[in-house]
Amino acid sequence: MEFMQSGLGVIEPAKTIFNAWIWSLCPDIQNSSGEDFITKYLPDGVTLQDCIAAKDGHYPFSTRDLPRYIEIAVKKEGNRGEGVYADLRKVPPLSEIDNMNLAQMWPITKAWMQKCGADPDNSILRLTCYAHAFNGGLLIDEHAETTVPRLLAVGETAGGPHGADRLGGNMFSSGQVFGEIAGKYAAGLARESDFPARRETAPPSIPWGGGPGEARLDAWRGRLQRLASRDLLVVRTGEGLRHYQEEARLLEEELSSAAVSSGREAQKLLELKNLLLTGRLVAQAALKRTESRGSHYREDFPAMSEDPMWRKAIALENGNCSMEEL
């Protein structure tokens, strides 16, 4: 669960992805103070041009690639309270772009951004780091069955076959392959099993009464999102992860006695509890993995360990960690 993919996206004037190939246009990137800030996060021997030249290769953040310093810089500036802005208003006309792939993709990308309300021809775009997808997930066997009998999982719900890292788009093929495996196995289970026509499932235990109101639930969710963005996303440290765990625990205590007065409130409360559970698993796995690998970056352990133990996945069960052979 520590292998959470992330990448750059536009947050203002609208929310949309900041595609990898846009970096071939060499956008001007500055913070709120007008500073070309990325260079101050680069180690000796690495230039901004090196990072940008490699950035259009694929979208997700990876500790394997030079462009990792761009996301790290953007995230650290954001944690400092600085905004990060990309200016694409000086992009040359298509006739002057000699990169054939870029010449084909830029009009499509620009049209999509304009449709979303982020017009790169007429506005400066504010960037941020977004949580994108998981490489980890539920532990499955060769039939795509989880440790819960007859519960199957595929795609980004399951622990991914790519391990700590994968190129963007590769989960499409994984979903196809493992979806077929799971579908055939589920069909076999259905033929061989005598399932009752209907199963009654107890509803989640939520007290009803004077609820906190949707505004309060939204505020709790926003609080958790800001906390997770700061401590779980891109740049992680032992101190930050423990801070997340403690703050999430306090929020969980507040929610433990929360009642609801409508179905909408019940839905929001359950979603918030699920987010807390997911965040707890991410933080627990990220704390245990004292190295950087794939999409998991520990600033206090920035190198990938040579210890073969870390070429295994972390399995979490009932609050306990164990290492599983990949």
C-alpha atoms as a PDB file:
ATOM      1  CA  MET A   1       0.000   0.000   0.000  1.00  0.00           C
ATOM      2  CA  GLU A   2       3.023   2.307   0.184  1.00  0.00           C
ATOM      3  CA  PHE A   3       3.320   2.219  -3.618  1.00  0.00           C
ATOM      4  CA  MET A   4       0.819   4.946  -4.422  1.00  0.00           C
ATOM      5  CA  GLN A   5       1.262   6.602  -7.785  1.00  0.00           C
ATOM      6  CA  SER A   6       1.156  10.361  -8.018  1.00  0.00           C
ATOM      7  CA  GLY A   7       1.691  12.979 -10.677  1.00  0.00           C
ATOM      8  CA  LEU A   8       1.298  16.635 -11.533  1.00  0.00           C
ATOM      9  CA  GLY A   9      -2.045  18.178 -12.335  1.00  0.00           C
ATOM     10  CA  VAL A  10      -3.659  21.571 -12.770  1.00  0.00           C
ATOM     11  CA  ILE A  11      -5.646  22.827  -9.792  1.00  0.00           C
ATOM     12  CA  GLU A  12      -6.514  26.360 -11.022  1.00  0.00           C
ATOM     13  CA  PRO A  13      -8.315  27.729 -12.998  1.00  0.00           C
ATOM     14  CA  ALA A  14      -9.724  24.200 -13.314  1.00  0.00           C
ATOM     15  CA  LYS A  15      -8.757  20.691 -12.267  1.00  0.00           C
ATOM     16  CA  THR A  16      -7.229  18.458 -14.926  1.00  0.00           C
ATOM     17  CA  ILE A  17      -4.138  16.376 -15.644  1.00  0.00           C
ATOM     18  CA  PHE A  18      -0.843  17.998 -16.670  1.00  0.00           C
ATOM     19  CA  ASN A  19       0.187  15.491 -19.332  1.00  0.00           C
ATOM     20  CA  ALA A  20       3.771  14.291 -19.464  1.00  0.00           C
ATOM     21  CA  TRP A  21       4.400  15.409 -23.047  1.00  0.00           C
ATOM     22  CA  ILE A  22       3.620  19.026 -22.123  1.00  0.00           C
ATOM     23  CA  TRP A  23       7.124  19.186 -20.654  1.00  0.00           C
ATOM     24  CA  SER A  24       8.532  18.976 -24.190  1.00  0.00           C
ATOM     25  CA  LEU A  25       7.213  22.533 -24.583  1.00  0.00           C
ATOM     26  CA  CYS A  26       9.581  23.653 -21.788  1.00  0.00           C
ATOM     27  CA  PRO A  27       6.980  25.629 -19.789  1.00  0.00           C
ATOM     28  CA  ASP A  28       8.105  28.391 -17.440  1.00  0.00           C
ATOM     29  CA  ILE A  29       7.633  27.074 -13.869  1.00  0.00           C
ATOM     30  CA  GLN A  30       7.684  29.506 -10.948  1.00  0.00           C
ATOM     31  CA  ASN A  31       6.352  29.744  -7.416  1.00  0.00           C
ATOM     32  CA  SER A  32       4.118  32.454  -5.939  1.00  0.00           C
ATOM     33  CA  SER A  33       7.182  34.619  -5.315  1.00  0.00           C
ATOM     34  CA  GLY A  34       8.179  34.502  -9.002  1.00  0.00           C
ATOM     35  CA  GLU A  35      11.154  32.241  -8.220  1.00  0.00           C
ATOM     36  CA  ASP A  36      12.439  29.541 -10.584  1.00  0.00           C
ATOM     37  CA  PHE A  37      12.495  27.241  -7.584  1.00  0.00           C
ATOM     38  CA  ILE A  38      13.113  23.759  -9.012  1.00  0.00           C
ATOM     39  CA  THR A  39      16.866  24.259  -9.353  1.00  0.00           C
ATOM     40  CA  LYS A  40      17.315  24.653  -5.602  1.00  0.00           C
ATOM     41  CA  TYR A  41      16.095  21.068  -5.103  1.00  0.00           C
ATOM     42  CA  LEU A  42      18.450  19.548  -7.676  1.00  0.00           C
ATOM     43  CA  PRO A  43      21.615  17.714  -6.571  1.00  0.00           C
ATOM     44  CA  ASP A  44      25.004  18.585  -8.008  1.00  0.00           C
ATOM     45  CA  GLY A  45      25.438  17.376 -11.581  1.00  0.00           C
ATOM     46  CA  VAL A  46      21.690  17.408 -12.387  1.00  0.00           C
ATOM     47  CA  THR A  47      20.216  20.278 -14.393  1.00  0.00           C
ATOM     48  CA  LEU A  48      16.629  21.368 -14.883  1.00  0.00           C
ATOM     49  CA  GLN A  49      17.064  20.720 -18.613  1.00  0.00           C
ATOM     50  CA  ASP A  50      18.041  17.101 -17.814  1.00  0.00           C
ATOM     51  CA  CYS A  51      14.854  16.634 -15.792  1.00  0.00           C
ATOM     52  CA  ILE A  52      12.577  18.257 -18.363  1.00  0.00           C
ATOM     53  CA  ALA A  53      14.135  16.285 -21.221  1.00  0.00           C
ATOM     54  CA  ALA A  54      13.294  13.027 -19.435  1.00  0.00           C
ATOM     55  CA  LYS A  55       9.924  14.145 -18.045  1.00  0.00           C
ATOM     56  CA  ASP A  56       7.893  13.523 -21.187  1.00  0.00           C
ATOM     57  CA  GLY A  57       8.705   9.793 -21.056  1.00  0.00           C
ATOM     58  CA  HIS A  58       5.854   8.860 -18.722  1.00  0.00           C
ATOM     59  CA  TYR A  59       3.479  10.531 -16.310  1.00  0.00           C
ATOM     60  CA  PRO A  60       3.705   8.972 -12.810  1.00  0.00           C
ATOM     61  CA  PHE A  61       6.307   9.989 -10.242  1.00  0.00           C
ATOM     62  CA  SER A  62       9.077   7.423  -9.853  1.00  0.00           C
ATOM     63  CA  THR A  63      12.207   7.390  -7.718  1.00  0.00           C
ATOM     64  CA  ARG A  64      13.981   5.664 -10.645  1.00  0.00           C
ATOM     65  CA  ASP A  65      13.870   8.696 -12.926  1.00  0.00           C
ATOM     66  CA  LEU A  66      15.548  12.111 -12.996  1.00  0.00           C
ATOM     67  CA  PRO A  67      12.177  13.908 -13.314  1.00  0.00           C
ATOM     68  CA  ARG A  68      11.443  12.858  -9.721  1.00  0.00           C
ATOM     69  CA  TYR A  69      13.093  16.103  -8.630  1.00  0.00           C
ATOM     70  CA  ILE A  70      10.323  18.101 -10.318  1.00  0.00           C
ATOM     71  CA  GLU A  71       7.525  16.475  -8.270  1.00  0.00           C
ATOM     72  CA  ILE A  72       9.646  16.619  -5.119  1.00  0.00           C
ATOM     73  CA  ALA A  73      10.251  20.344  -5.677  1.00  0.00           C
ATOM     74  CA  VAL A  74       6.572  21.055  -6.395  1.00  0.00           C
ATOM     75  CA  LYS A  75       5.451  19.127  -3.304  1.00  0.00           C
ATOM     76  CA  LYS A  76       7.972  20.738  -0.986  1.00  0.00           C
ATOM     77  CA  GLU A  77       7.044  24.206  -2.254  1.00  0.00           C
ATOM     78  CA  GLY A  78       3.382  23.382  -1.672  1.00  0.00           C
ATOM     79  CA  ASN A  79       4.122  22.212   1.861  1.00  0.00           C
ATOM     80  CA  ARG A  80       5.860  25.567   2.418  1.00  0.00           C
ATOM     81  CA  GLY A  81       2.638  27.317   1.420  1.00  0.00           C
ATOM     82  CA  GLU A  82       3.911  28.429  -1.986  1.00  0.00           C
ATOM     83  CA  GLY A  83       1.802  28.094  -5.110  1.00  0.00           C
ATOM     84  CA  VAL A  84       3.413  26.590  -8.214  1.00  0.00           C
ATOM     85  CA  TYR A  85       2.559  27.955 -11.668  1.00  0.00           C
ATOM     86  CA  ALA A  86       3.169  26.856 -15.271  1.00  0.00           C
ATOM     87  CA  ASP A  87       3.100  29.424 -18.067  1.00  0.00           C
ATOM     88  CA  LEU A  88       2.403  27.977 -21.537  1.00  0.00           C
ATOM     89  CA  ARG A  89       1.344  31.211 -23.206  1.00  0.00           C
ATOM     90  CA  LYS A  90       4.613  31.459 -25.167  1.00  0.00           C
ATOM     91  CA  VAL A  91       4.397  28.030 -26.782  1.00  0.00           C
ATOM     92  CA  PRO A  92       5.380  28.366 -30.459  1.00  0.00           C
ATOM     93  CA  PRO A  93       2.801  27.691 -33.199  1.00  0.00           C
ATOM     94  CA  LEU A  94       2.473  24.128 -34.460  1.00  0.00           C
ATOM     95  CA  SER A  95       4.335  24.984 -37.651  1.00  0.00           C
ATOM     96  CA  GLU A  96       7.450  25.680 -35.560  1.00  0.00           C
ATOM     97  CA  ILE A  97       7.286  22.492 -33.463  1.00  0.00           C
ATOM     98  CA  ASP A  98       9.639  19.929 -34.991  1.00  0.00           C
ATOM     99  CA  ASN A  99       8.668  17.099 -32.608  1.00  0.00           C
ATOM    100  CA  MET A 100       6.102  15.101 -34.610  1.00  0.00           C
ATOM    101  CA  ASN A 101       4.586  13.353 -31.578  1.00  0.00           C
ATOM    102  CA  LEU A 102       4.239  16.638 -29.719  1.00  0.00           C
ATOM    103  CA  ALA A 103       2.784  18.377 -32.781  1.00  0.00           C
ATOM    104  CA  GLN A 104       0.072  15.695 -32.869  1.00  0.00           C
ATOM    105  CA  MET A 105      -0.631  15.523 -29.133  1.00  0.00           C
ATOM    106  CA  TRP A 106      -0.482  19.191 -28.140  1.00  0.00           C
ATOM    107  CA  PRO A 107      -3.672  20.271 -29.996  1.00  0.00           C
ATOM    108  CA  ILE A 108      -5.568  17.328 -28.451  1.00  0.00           C
ATOM    109  CA  THR A 109      -4.247  18.054 -24.978  1.00  0.00           C
ATOM    110  CA  LYS A 110      -4.900  21.786 -25.290  1.00  0.00           C
ATOM    111  CA  ALA A 111      -8.478  21.210 -26.483  1.00  0.00           C
ATOM    112  CA  TRP A 112      -9.104  18.949 -23.486  1.00  0.00           C
ATOM    113  CA  MET A 113      -7.661  21.494 -21.053  1.00  0.00           C
ATOM    114  CA  GLN A 114      -9.769  24.258 -22.608  1.00  0.00           C
ATOM    115  CA  LYS A 115     -12.862  22.069 -22.318  1.00  0.00           C
ATOM    116  CA  CYS A 116     -12.076  21.635 -18.607  1.00  0.00           C
ATOM    117  CA  GLY A 117     -11.726  25.394 -18.185  1.00  0.00           C
ATOM    118  CA  ALA A 118      -7.926  25.624 -18.017  1.00  0.00           C
ATOM    119  CA  ASP A 119      -6.979  27.553 -21.167  1.00  0.00           C
ATOM    120  CA  PRO A 120      -3.160  27.425 -21.530  1.00  0.00           C
ATOM    121  CA  ASP A 121      -3.225  30.079 -24.288  1.00  0.00           C
ATOM    122  CA  ASN A 122      -4.692  32.757 -22.055  1.00  0.00           C
ATOM    123  CA  SER A 123      -4.018  31.869 -18.430  1.00  0.00           C
ATOM    124  CA  ILE A 124      -1.237  30.766 -16.107  1.00  0.00           C
ATOM    125  CA  LEU A 125      -1.925  27.301 -14.698  1.00  0.00           C
ATOM    126  CA  ARG A 126      -1.494  26.498 -11.027  1.00  0.00           C
ATOM    127  CA  LEU A 127      -0.013  23.025 -10.502  1.00  0.00           C
ATOM    128  CA  THR A 128      -0.082  20.566  -7.645  1.00  0.00           C
ATOM    129  CA  CYS A 129       0.758  16.921  -6.973  1.00  0.00           C
ATOM    130  CA  TYR A 130      -2.231  14.610  -7.281  1.00  0.00           C
ATOM    131  CA  ALA A 131      -2.730  11.115  -5.916  1.00  0.00           C
ATOM    132  CA  HIS A 132      -3.214   9.060  -9.071  1.00  0.00           C
ATOM    133  CA  ALA A 133      -3.597   5.307  -8.450  1.00  0.00           C
ATOM    134  CA  PHE A 134      -2.304   2.402  -6.384  1.00  0.00           C
ATOM    135  CA  ASN A 135       0.212  -0.250  -7.361  1.00  0.00           C
ATOM    136  CA  GLY A 136      -0.595  -2.049  -4.125  1.00  0.00           C
ATOM    137  CA  GLY A 137      -3.960  -3.379  -3.010  1.00  0.00           C
ATOM    138  CA  LEU A 138      -5.611  -6.582  -1.897  1.00  0.00           C
ATOM    139  CA  LEU A 139      -3.432  -9.688  -1.785  1.00  0.00           C
ATOM    140  CA  ILE A 140      -4.585 -12.168  -4.474  1.00  0.00           C
ATOM    141  CA  ASP A 141      -3.586 -15.649  -5.590  1.00  0.00           C
ATOM    142  CA  GLU A 142      -3.224 -17.025  -9.120  1.00  0.00           C
ATOM    143  CA  HIS A 143      -7.038 -17.087  -9.480  1.00  0.00           C
ATOM    144  CA  ALA A 144      -7.363 -13.406  -8.408  1.00  0.00           C
ATOM    145  CA  GLU A 145      -8.971 -14.586  -5.153  1.00  0.00           C
ATOM    146  CA  THR A 146      -8.252 -12.576  -2.014  1.00  0.00           C
ATOM    147  CA  THR A 147      -7.717 -13.966   1.486  1.00  0.00           C
ATOM    148  CA  VAL A 148     -11.490 -13.661   1.911  1.00  0.00           C
ATOM    149  CA  PRO A 149     -12.915 -16.798   0.239  1.00  0.00           C
ATOM    150  CA  ARG A 150     -14.805 -16.071  -3.007  1.00  0.00           C
ATOM    151  CA  LEU A 151     -13.894 -12.384  -2.926  1.00  0.00           C
ATOM    152  CA  LEU A 152     -11.972 -11.639  -6.131  1.00  0.00           C
ATOM    153  CA  ALA A 153     -10.019  -8.508  -7.017  1.00  0.00           C
ATOM    154  CA  VAL A 154      -8.329  -7.253 -10.190  1.00  0.00           C
ATOM    155  CA  GLY A 155      -6.762  -4.078 -11.553  1.00  0.00           C
ATOM    156  CA  GLU A 156      -5.920  -1.275  -9.143  1.00  0.00           C
ATOM    157  CA  THR A 157      -7.962  -2.889  -6.356  1.00  0.00           C
ATOM    158  CA  ALA A 158      -5.518  -5.791  -6.254  1.00  0.00           C
ATOM    159  CA  GLY A 159      -1.833  -5.817  -5.445  1.00  0.00           C
ATOM    160  CA  GLY A 160      -0.436  -4.989  -8.887  1.00  0.00           C
ATOM    161  CA  PRO A 161       1.722  -7.405 -10.898  1.00  0.00           C
ATOM    162  CA  HIS A 162       4.140  -4.566 -11.672  1.00  0.00           C
ATOM    163  CA  GLY A 163       5.499  -4.343  -8.142  1.00  0.00           C
ATOM    164  CA  ALA A 164       6.765  -0.998  -6.915  1.00  0.00           C
ATOM    165  CA  ASP A 165       6.522   0.842 -10.219  1.00  0.00           C
ATOM    166  CA  ARG A 166       4.763   0.800 -13.565  1.00  0.00           C
ATOM    167  CA  LEU A 167       4.420   3.042 -16.563  1.00  0.00           C
ATOM    168  CA  GLY A 168       1.181   4.914 -16.974  1.00  0.00           C
ATOM    169  CA  GLY A 169      -1.421   2.950 -18.933  1.00  0.00           C
ATOM    170  CA  ASN A 170      -0.055  -0.500 -18.156  1.00  0.00           C
ATOM    171  CA  MET A 171      -2.894  -1.262 -15.741  1.00  0.00           C
ATOM    172  CA  PHE A 172      -5.270  -1.374 -18.722  1.00  0.00           C
ATOM    173  CA  SER A 173      -3.626  -4.573 -19.923  1.00  0.00           C
ATOM    174  CA  SER A 174      -3.411  -5.950 -16.383  1.00  0.00           C
ATOM    175  CA  GLY A 175      -7.129  -5.360 -15.914  1.00  0.00           C
ATOM    176  CA  GLN A 176      -7.847  -7.267 -19.126  1.00  0.00           C
ATOM    177  CA  VAL A 177      -5.606 -10.228 -18.244  1.00  0.00           C
ATOM    178  CA  PHE A 178      -6.548 -10.601 -14.593  1.00  0.00           C
ATOM    179  CA  GLY A 179     -10.174  -9.723 -15.351  1.00  0.00           C
ATOM    180  CA  GLU A 180     -10.375 -12.763 -17.619  1.00  0.00           C
ATOM    181  CA  ILE A 181      -8.687 -14.951 -14.999  1.00  0.00           C
ATOM    182  CA  ALA A 182     -11.083 -13.748 -12.288  1.00  0.00           C
ATOM    183  CA  GLY A 183     -14.136 -14.018 -14.532  1.00  0.00           C
ATOM    184  CA  LYS A 184     -13.421 -17.625 -15.496  1.00  0.00           C
ATOM    185  CA  TYR A 185     -12.647 -18.601 -11.909  1.00  0.00           C
ATOM    186  CA  ALA A 186     -15.833 -16.892 -10.646  1.00  0.00           C
ATOM    187  CA  ALA A 187     -17.874 -18.728 -13.281  1.00  0.00           C
ATOM    188  CA  GLY A 188     -16.349 -22.021 -12.137  1.00  0.00           C
ATOM    189  CA  LEU A 189     -17.177 -21.255  -8.503  1.00  0.00           C
ATOM    190  CA  ALA A 190     -20.744 -20.411  -9.455  1.00  0.00           C
ATOM    191  CA  ARG A 191     -21.182 -23.726 -11.318  1.00  0.00           C
ATOM    192  CA  GLU A 192     -19.727 -25.796  -8.510  1.00  0.00           C
ATOM    193  CA  SER A 193     -21.354 -24.051  -5.551  1.00  0.00           C
ATOM    194  CA  ASP A 194     -24.871 -24.151  -4.218  1.00  0.00           C
ATOM    195  CA  PHE A 195     -25.353 -20.482  -3.406  1.00  0.00           C
ATOM    196  CA  PRO A 196     -28.552 -19.402  -1.671  1.00  0.00           C
ATOM    197  CA  ALA A 197     -30.814 -17.266  -3.829  1.00  0.00           C
ATOM    198  CA  ARG A 198     -30.311 -14.264  -1.547  1.00  0.00           C
ATOM    199  CA  ARG A 199     -28.039 -13.366   1.307  1.00  0.00           C
ATOM    200  CA  GLU A 200     -29.031 -10.926   4.000  1.00  0.00           C
ATOM    201  CA  THR A 201     -26.200  -8.618   4.995  1.00  0.00           C
ATOM    202  CA  ALA A 202     -26.304  -6.597   8.171  1.00  0.00           C
ATOM    203  CA  PRO A 203     -26.150  -2.857   7.447  1.00  0.00           C
ATOM    204  CA  PRO A 204     -23.155  -0.915   8.775  1.00  0.00           C
ATOM    205  CA  SER A 205     -23.560  -0.003  12.417  1.00  0.00           C
ATOM    206  CA  ILE A 206     -24.030   3.762  12.457  1.00  0.00           C
ATOM    207  CA  PRO A 207     -25.962   5.527  15.228  1.00  0.00           C
ATOM    208  CA  TRP A 208     -28.884   7.613  14.031  1.00  0.00           C
ATOM    209  CA  GLY A 209     -29.956  10.829  15.651  1.00  0.00           C
ATOM    210  CA  GLY A 210     -28.875  14.427  15.481  1.00  0.00           C
ATOM    211  CA  GLY A 211     -26.154  14.194  12.854  1.00  0.00           C
ATOM    212  CA  PRO A 212     -23.164  16.547  12.526  1.00  0.00           C
ATOM    213  CA  GLY A 213     -24.488  17.850   9.219  1.00  0.00           C
ATOM    214  CA  GLU A 214     -22.980  17.516   5.763  1.00  0.00           C
ATOM    215  CA  ALA A 215     -20.907  20.689   6.182  1.00  0.00           C
ATOM    216  CA  ARG A 216     -19.159  19.247   9.257  1.00  0.00           C
ATOM    217  CA  LEU A 217     -18.529  15.933   7.482  1.00  0.00           C
ATOM    218  CA  ASP A 218     -17.111  17.796   4.478  1.00  0.00           C
ATOM    219  CA  ALA A 219     -14.860  19.779   6.830  1.00  0.00           C
ATOM    220  CA  TRP A 220     -13.594  16.548   8.430  1.00  0.00           C
ATOM    221  CA  ARG A 221     -12.884  15.115   4.980  1.00  0.00           C
ATOM    222  CA  GLY A 222     -11.028  18.257   3.920  1.00  0.00           C
ATOM    223  CA  ARG A 223      -8.943  18.068   7.077  1.00  0.00           C
ATOM    224  CA  LEU A 224      -7.990  14.463   6.304  1.00  0.00           C
ATOM    225  CA  GLN A 225      -7.180  15.287   2.673  1.00  0.00           C
ATOM    226  CA  ARG A 226      -4.858  18.141   3.651  1.00  0.00           C
ATOM    227  CA  LEU A 227      -3.159  15.887   6.181  1.00  0.00           C
ATOM    228  CA  ALA A 228      -2.697  13.060   3.672  1.00  0.00           C
ATOM    229  CA  SER A 229      -1.470  15.454   0.983  1.00  0.00           C
ATOM    230  CA  ARG A 230       1.210  16.798   3.294  1.00  0.00           C
ATOM    231  CA  ASP A 231       2.441  13.568   4.901  1.00  0.00           C
ATOM    232  CA  LEU A 232       1.574  10.708   2.510  1.00  0.00           C
ATOM    233  CA  LEU A 233       2.027  12.205  -0.953  1.00  0.00           C
ATOM    234  CA  VAL A 234       5.381  12.146  -2.841  1.00  0.00           C
ATOM    235  CA  VAL A 235       7.673  13.333  -0.009  1.00  0.00           C
ATOM    236  CA  ARG A 236       7.507  11.086   3.044  1.00  0.00           C
ATOM    237  CA  THR A 237       9.495  11.043   6.275  1.00  0.00           C
ATOM    238  CA  GLY A 238       9.249   8.997   9.438  1.00  0.00           C
ATOM    239  CA  GLU A 239       8.273  12.122  11.350  1.00  0.00           C
ATOM    240  CA  GLY A 240       5.574  13.055   8.835  1.00  0.00           C
ATOM    241  CA  LEU A 241       4.132   9.565   8.696  1.00  0.00           C
ATOM    242  CA  ARG A 242       3.890   9.362  12.484  1.00  0.00           C
ATOM    243  CA  HIS A 243       2.305  12.827  12.502  1.00  0.00           C
ATOM    244  CA  TYR A 244      -0.297  11.589  10.020  1.00  0.00           C
ATOM    245  CA  GLN A 245      -1.022   8.527  12.158  1.00  0.00           C
ATOM    246  CA  GLU A 246      -1.552  10.587  15.301  1.00  0.00           C
ATOM    247  CA  GLU A 247      -3.746  13.219  13.637  1.00  0.00           C
ATOM    248  CA  ALA A 248      -5.775  10.528  11.864  1.00  0.00           C
ATOM    249  CA  ARG A 249      -6.231   8.727  15.191  1.00  0.00           C
ATOM    250  CA  LEU A 250      -7.619  11.906  16.758  1.00  0.00           C
ATOM    251  CA  LEU A 251      -9.997  12.365  13.836  1.00  0.00           C
ATOM    252  CA  GLU A 252     -11.078   8.740  14.140  1.00  0.00           C
ATOM    253  CA  GLU A 253     -11.920   9.349  17.798  1.00  0.00           C
ATOM    254  CA  GLU A 254     -14.083  12.309  16.818  1.00  0.00           C
ATOM    255  CA  LEU A 255     -15.903  10.159  14.259  1.00  0.00           C
ATOM    256  CA  SER A 256     -16.408   7.206  16.604  1.00  0.00           C
ATOM    257  CA  SER A 257     -19.373   8.831  18.322  1.00  0.00           C
ATOM    258  CA  ALA A 258     -20.776  10.604  15.261  1.00  0.00           C
ATOM    259  CA  ALA A 259     -24.447   9.989  14.522  1.00  0.00           C
ATOM    260  CA  VAL A 260     -26.220  10.683  11.250  1.00  0.00           C
ATOM    261  CA  SER A 261     -29.647  12.058  10.439  1.00  0.00           C
ATOM    262  CA  SER A 262     -29.917  11.218   6.735  1.00  0.00           C
ATOM    263  CA  GLY A 263     -28.822   8.646   4.184  1.00  0.00           C
ATOM    264  CA  ARG A 264     -26.527  11.248   2.596  1.00  0.00           C
ATOM    265  CA  GLU A 265     -24.784  11.835   5.920  1.00  0.00           C
ATOM    266  CA  ALA A 266     -24.438   8.081   6.426  1.00  0.00           C
ATOM    267  CA  GLN A 267     -22.794   7.734   3.006  1.00  0.00           C
ATOM    268  CA  LYS A 268     -20.335  10.553   3.703  1.00  0.00           C
ATOM    269  CA  LEU A 269     -19.487   9.164   7.141  1.00  0.00           C
ATOM    270  CA  LEU A 270     -18.800   5.684   5.746  1.00  0.00           C
ATOM    271  CA  GLU A 271     -16.629   7.158   2.960  1.00  0.00           C
ATOM    272  CA  LEU A 272     -14.642   9.116   5.527  1.00  0.00           C
ATOM    273  CA  LYS A 273     -14.105   6.037   7.693  1.00  0.00           C
ATOM    274  CA  ASN A 274     -12.917   4.101   4.629  1.00  0.00           C
ATOM    275  CA  LEU A 275     -10.496   6.910   3.734  1.00  0.00           C
ATOM    276  CA  LEU A 276      -9.132   6.811   7.276  1.00  0.00           C
ATOM    277  CA  LEU A 277      -8.605   3.056   7.026  1.00  0.00           C
ATOM    278  CA  THR A 278      -6.866   3.349   3.650  1.00  0.00           C
ATOM    279  CA  GLY A 279      -4.628   6.159   4.874  1.00  0.00           C
ATOM    280  CA  ARG A 280      -3.702   4.172   7.960  1.00  0.00           C
ATOM    281  CA  LEU A 281      -2.594   1.231   5.790  1.00  0.00           C
ATOM    282  CA  VAL A 282      -0.548   3.503   3.510  1.00  0.00           C
ATOM    283  CA  ALA A 283       1.182   5.158   6.471  1.00  0.00           C
ATOM    284  CA  GLN A 284       1.862   1.830   8.180  1.00  0.00           C
ATOM    285  CA  ALA A 285       3.453   0.280   5.084  1.00  0.00           C
ATOM    286  CA  ALA A 286       5.390   3.460   4.252  1.00  0.00           C
ATOM    287  CA  LEU A 287       6.816   3.598   7.774  1.00  0.00           C
ATOM    288  CA  LYS A 288       7.973   0.004   7.587  1.00  0.00           C
ATOM    289  CA  ARG A 289       9.705   0.432   4.209  1.00  0.00           C
ATOM    290  CA  THR A 290      12.823   2.337   5.248  1.00  0.00           C
ATOM    291  CA  GLU A 291      14.096   2.902   1.723  1.00  0.00           C
ATOM    292  CA  SER A 292      12.951   4.566  -1.507  1.00  0.00           C
ATOM    293  CA  ARG A 293      11.677   2.346  -4.322  1.00  0.00           C
ATOM    294  CA  GLY A 294       9.360   2.886  -7.264  1.00  0.00           C
ATOM    295  CA  SER A 295       6.613   5.343  -6.370  1.00  0.00           C
ATOM    296  CA  HIS A 296       7.570   5.279  -2.656  1.00  0.00           C
ATOM    297  CA  TYR A 297       9.995   8.065  -1.684  1.00  0.00           C
ATOM    298  CA  ARG A 298      11.313   8.422   1.861  1.00  0.00           C
ATOM    299  CA  GLU A 299      13.261  11.654   2.159  1.00  0.00           C
ATOM    300  CA  ASP A 300      14.988  10.248   5.252  1.00  0.00           C
ATOM    301  CA  PHE A 301      15.913   7.059   3.305  1.00  0.00           C
ATOM    302  CA  PRO A 302      16.364   8.403  -0.260  1.00  0.00           C
ATOM    303  CA  ALA A 303      18.235   5.411  -1.744  1.00  0.00           C
ATOM    304  CA  MET A 304      16.905   2.017  -2.796  1.00  0.00           C
ATOM    305  CA  SER A 305      18.183  -0.652  -0.423  1.00  0.00           C
ATOM    306  CA  GLU A 306      20.344  -3.521  -1.702  1.00  0.00           C
ATOM    307  CA  ASP A 307      18.909  -5.789   1.003  1.00  0.00           C
ATOM    308  CA  PRO A 308      16.945  -8.567  -0.788  1.00  0.00           C
ATOM    309  CA  MET A 309      14.318  -8.364   1.970  1.00  0.00           C
ATOM    310  CA  TRP A 310      13.013  -5.179   0.383  1.00  0.00           C
ATOM    311  CA  ARG A 311      12.345  -6.933  -2.927  1.00  0.00           C
ATOM    312  CA  LYS A 312       9.281  -8.355  -1.209  1.00  0.00           C
ATOM    313  CA  ALA A 313       5.833  -6.891  -0.721  1.00  0.00           C
ATOM    314  CA  ILE A 314       4.546  -5.803   2.668  1.00  0.00           C
ATOM    315  CA  ALA A 315       1.361  -7.641   3.614  1.00  0.00           C
ATOM    316  CA  LEU A 316      -0.916  -6.017   6.206  1.00  0.00           C
ATOM    317  CA  GLU A 317      -3.387  -8.172   8.095  1.00  0.00           C
ATOM    318  CA  ASN A 318      -5.269  -7.213  11.261  1.00  0.00           C
ATOM    319  CA  GLY A 319      -2.806  -4.436  11.931  1.00  0.00           C
ATOM    320  CA  ASN A 320       0.279  -6.665  11.569  1.00  0.00           C
ATOM    321  CA  CYS A 321       3.004  -6.410   8.913  1.00  0.00           C
ATOM    322  CA  SER A 322       4.718  -9.313   7.215  1.00  0.00           C
ATOM    323  CA  MET A 323       6.929  -9.632   4.128  1.00  0.00           C
ATOM    324  CA  GLU A 324       5.560 -11.671   1.209  1.00  0.00           C
ATOM    325  CA  GLU A 325       7.708 -13.119  -1.564  1.00  0.00           C
ATOM    326  CA  LEU A 326       6.873 -11.482  -4.902  1.00  0.00           C
END
